[in-house]
Every structure is written in structure tokens, then in C-alpha cells.
Protein backbone atom coordinates (compact mmCIF):
# COMPACT_ATOMS: atom_id res chain seq x y z
CA UNK A 1 106.64 146.13 32.50
CA UNK A 2 109.00 143.40 33.29
CA UNK A 3 107.98 140.51 35.55
CA UNK A 4 109.96 140.22 38.76
CA UNK A 5 111.68 137.05 39.82
CA UNK A 6 110.19 135.55 43.00
CA UNK A 7 112.18 133.49 45.43
CA UNK A 8 112.09 132.65 49.11
CA UNK A 9 114.36 134.63 51.36
CA UNK A 10 115.45 133.31 54.76
CA UNK A 11 116.61 136.14 56.94
CA UNK A 12 117.52 136.60 60.63
CA UNK A 13 114.50 137.96 62.48
CA UNK A 14 116.55 140.75 64.10
CA UNK A 15 117.79 141.86 60.68
CA UNK A 16 114.23 141.73 59.34
CA UNK A 17 113.12 144.03 62.19
CA UNK A 18 115.85 146.51 61.30
CA UNK A 19 114.95 146.41 57.58
CA UNK A 20 111.19 146.75 58.41
CA UNK A 21 111.81 149.92 60.51
CA UNK A 22 114.21 151.30 57.88
CA UNK A 23 111.68 150.68 55.07
CA UNK A 24 108.91 152.39 57.05
CA UNK A 25 111.25 155.41 57.60
CA UNK A 26 111.78 155.59 53.83
CA UNK A 27 108.04 155.01 53.01
CA UNK A 28 108.69 151.74 51.27
CA UNK A 29 107.67 148.11 51.68
CA UNK A 30 110.33 145.81 53.04
CA UNK A 31 110.51 144.07 49.67
CA UNK A 32 111.01 147.31 47.77
CA UNK A 33 113.59 148.46 50.28
CA UNK A 34 115.63 145.30 50.05
CA UNK A 35 115.51 145.55 46.27
CA UNK A 36 116.65 149.24 46.52
CA UNK A 37 119.52 148.36 48.81
CA UNK A 38 120.68 145.48 46.62
CA UNK A 39 120.50 147.70 43.52
CA UNK A 40 122.48 150.47 45.07
CA UNK A 41 125.10 147.92 46.25
CA UNK A 42 125.41 146.45 42.79
CA UNK A 43 125.83 149.91 41.24
CA UNK A 44 128.49 150.82 43.77
CA UNK A 45 130.39 147.62 42.99
CA UNK A 46 130.05 148.46 39.28
CA UNK A 47 128.11 145.23 38.63
CA UNK A 48 124.95 147.01 37.43
CA UNK A 49 124.76 149.85 34.92
CA UNK A 50 122.25 152.66 35.27
């Protein structure tokens, strides 16, 4: 299992609230949901291969 890179993330509180609710709806943690959204965006932009 690969070790994940940790770093601080400063985010607008209103956006965090949206992400928190969205993550709950998808049965994910906020961290996991942010990683999911970033991964999907990188794939769509053809910057990350499957």
C-alpha cells in the first residue's frame, strides 16, 4: 500500500460545507471525496491514466 502525501489545505468555509454534505451523500469522508473529485478531474483532462 502506498503512503499518501499529507499537506494542509486552506479552503473557503462555505465550499467546505458543500463538500461535507456531498461527501455524506456519497458515503465518503471529506478527504476521500476531495481526492475522488481531483482524480476524476485529472482523468478527464487526460493528465492521469487509469
